[in-house]
Amino acid sequence: MGPEDQHSKIIEHLDVLNKQVARQNSIGRMFFVGIVYGIGFFVGSAIIATIALGILGPWFAQIPWIRNAFEVGAALLPK
């Protein structure tokens, strides 16, 4: 394997890498990745908020204005 063969293999690998980078940096792919990350952030935040409210719920219930607001909201619901 001579230097010319190595040179041509390096050029081939660089061409393949350039094509992969161009695909990864395309607007469509970046938009899709942004949508997926956004959905993941939203779902993860909702899970963390649910766990936090479940743990901290009794503490929040001791705050008078929160308890009053909850009771007013519960009274508005049809029975």
C-alpha atoms as a PDB file:
ATOM      1  CA  MET A   1       0.000   0.000   0.000  1.00  0.00           C
ATOM      2  CA  GLY A   2       1.737   3.123  -1.241  1.00  0.00           C
ATOM      3  CA  PRO A   3       1.306   6.744  -0.269  1.00  0.00           C
ATOM      4  CA  GLU A   4      -1.017   7.301  -3.265  1.00  0.00           C
ATOM      5  CA  ASP A   5      -3.389   4.562  -2.045  1.00  0.00           C
ATOM      6  CA  GLN A   6      -3.419   6.059   1.447  1.00  0.00           C
ATOM      7  CA  HIS A   7      -4.048   9.506  -0.019  1.00  0.00           C
ATOM      8  CA  SER A   8      -7.029   8.285  -2.060  1.00  0.00           C
ATOM      9  CA  LYS A   9      -8.467   6.397   0.964  1.00  0.00           C
ATOM     10  CA  ILE A  10      -8.158   9.528   3.084  1.00  0.00           C
ATOM     11  CA  ILE A  11      -9.955  11.525   0.380  1.00  0.00           C
ATOM     12  CA  GLU A  12     -12.751   8.898   0.241  1.00  0.00           C
ATOM     13  CA  HIS A  13     -13.172   8.966   4.014  1.00  0.00           C
ATOM     14  CA  LEU A  14     -13.255  12.765   4.028  1.00  0.00           C
ATOM     15  CA  ASP A  15     -15.956  12.724   1.340  1.00  0.00           C
ATOM     16  CA  VAL A  16     -18.040  10.293   3.402  1.00  0.00           C
ATOM     17  CA  LEU A  17     -17.593  12.431   6.529  1.00  0.00           C
ATOM     18  CA  ASN A  18     -18.546  15.593   4.647  1.00  0.00           C
ATOM     19  CA  LYS A  19     -21.754  13.946   3.398  1.00  0.00           C
ATOM     20  CA  GLN A  20     -22.631  12.773   6.931  1.00  0.00           C
ATOM     21  CA  VAL A  21     -22.031  16.233   8.404  1.00  0.00           C
ATOM     22  CA  ALA A  22     -24.120  17.829   5.659  1.00  0.00           C
ATOM     23  CA  ARG A  23     -27.007  15.436   6.452  1.00  0.00           C
ATOM     24  CA  GLN A  24     -26.737  16.103  10.188  1.00  0.00           C
ATOM     25  CA  ASN A  25     -26.725  19.871   9.696  1.00  0.00           C
ATOM     26  CA  SER A  26     -29.730  19.934   7.375  1.00  0.00           C
ATOM     27  CA  ILE A  27     -32.630  22.175   8.399  1.00  0.00           C
ATOM     28  CA  GLY A  28     -35.152  19.314   8.365  1.00  0.00           C
ATOM     29  CA  ARG A  29     -33.086  17.132  10.663  1.00  0.00           C
ATOM     30  CA  MET A  30     -32.343  19.995  13.042  1.00  0.00           C
ATOM     31  CA  PHE A  31     -36.078  20.839  13.158  1.00  0.00           C
ATOM     32  CA  PHE A  32     -36.975  17.206  13.887  1.00  0.00           C
ATOM     33  CA  VAL A  33     -34.341  16.927  16.634  1.00  0.00           C
ATOM     34  CA  GLY A  34     -35.599  20.182  18.158  1.00  0.00           C
ATOM     35  CA  ILE A  35     -39.179  18.859  18.198  1.00  0.00           C
ATOM     36  CA  VAL A  36     -38.088  15.597  19.841  1.00  0.00           C
ATOM     37  CA  TYR A  37     -36.027  17.414  22.481  1.00  0.00           C
ATOM     38  CA  GLY A  38     -38.921  19.802  23.137  1.00  0.00           C
ATOM     39  CA  ILE A  39     -41.373  16.949  23.673  1.00  0.00           C
ATOM     40  CA  GLY A  40     -38.875  15.182  25.932  1.00  0.00           C
ATOM     41  CA  PHE A  41     -38.355  18.342  27.986  1.00  0.00           C
ATOM     42  CA  PHE A  42     -42.119  18.847  28.324  1.00  0.00           C
ATOM     43  CA  VAL A  43     -42.810  15.254  29.385  1.00  0.00           C
ATOM     44  CA  GLY A  44     -39.850  15.189  31.781  1.00  0.00           C
ATOM     45  CA  SER A  45     -40.895  18.476  33.361  1.00  0.00           C
ATOM     46  CA  ALA A  46     -44.445  17.211  33.819  1.00  0.00           C
ATOM     47  CA  ILE A  47     -43.186  14.044  35.533  1.00  0.00           C
ATOM     48  CA  ILE A  48     -40.886  16.002  37.853  1.00  0.00           C
ATOM     49  CA  ALA A  49     -43.666  18.499  38.678  1.00  0.00           C
ATOM     50  CA  THR A  50     -46.091  15.648  39.463  1.00  0.00           C
ATOM     51  CA  ILE A  51     -43.609  13.988  41.790  1.00  0.00           C
ATOM     52  CA  ALA A  52     -42.750  17.313  43.464  1.00  0.00           C
ATOM     53  CA  LEU A  53     -46.418  18.210  43.995  1.00  0.00           C
ATOM     54  CA  GLY A  54     -47.121  14.730  45.341  1.00  0.00           C
ATOM     55  CA  ILE A  55     -44.339  15.061  47.878  1.00  0.00           C
ATOM     56  CA  LEU A  56     -44.926  18.725  48.730  1.00  0.00           C
ATOM     57  CA  GLY A  57     -48.765  18.606  48.488  1.00  0.00           C
ATOM     58  CA  PRO A  58     -49.425  18.230  52.214  1.00  0.00           C
ATOM     59  CA  TRP A  59     -47.112  21.149  52.946  1.00  0.00           C
ATOM     60  CA  PHE A  60     -48.883  23.340  50.356  1.00  0.00           C
ATOM     61  CA  ALA A  61     -52.266  22.350  51.842  1.00  0.00           C
ATOM     62  CA  GLN A  62     -51.269  24.007  55.114  1.00  0.00           C
ATOM     63  CA  ILE A  63     -51.010  27.425  53.447  1.00  0.00           C
ATOM     64  CA  PRO A  64     -54.381  29.112  54.092  1.00  0.00           C
ATOM     65  CA  TRP A  65     -54.897  30.923  50.764  1.00  0.00           C
ATOM     66  CA  ILE A  66     -54.037  27.789  48.774  1.00  0.00           C
ATOM     67  CA  ARG A  67     -56.464  25.706  50.856  1.00  0.00           C
ATOM     68  CA  ASN A  68     -59.204  28.349  50.399  1.00  0.00           C
ATOM     69  CA  ALA A  69     -58.625  28.508  46.637  1.00  0.00           C
ATOM     70  CA  PHE A  70     -58.813  24.716  46.432  1.00  0.00           C
ATOM     71  CA  GLU A  71     -62.063  24.641  48.429  1.00  0.00           C
ATOM     72  CA  VAL A  72     -63.620  27.326  46.179  1.00  0.00           C
ATOM     73  CA  GLY A  73     -62.545  25.399  43.081  1.00  0.00           C
ATOM     74  CA  ALA A  74     -63.916  22.135  44.474  1.00  0.00           C
ATOM     75  CA  ALA A  75     -67.233  23.860  45.288  1.00  0.00           C
ATOM     76  CA  LEU A  76     -67.566  25.009  41.657  1.00  0.00           C
ATOM     77  CA  LEU A  77     -67.340  21.462  40.315  1.00  0.00           C
ATOM     78  CA  PRO A  78     -70.660  19.698  39.646  1.00  0.00           C
ATOM     79  CA  LYS A  79     -71.464  16.894  42.027  1.00  0.00           C
END
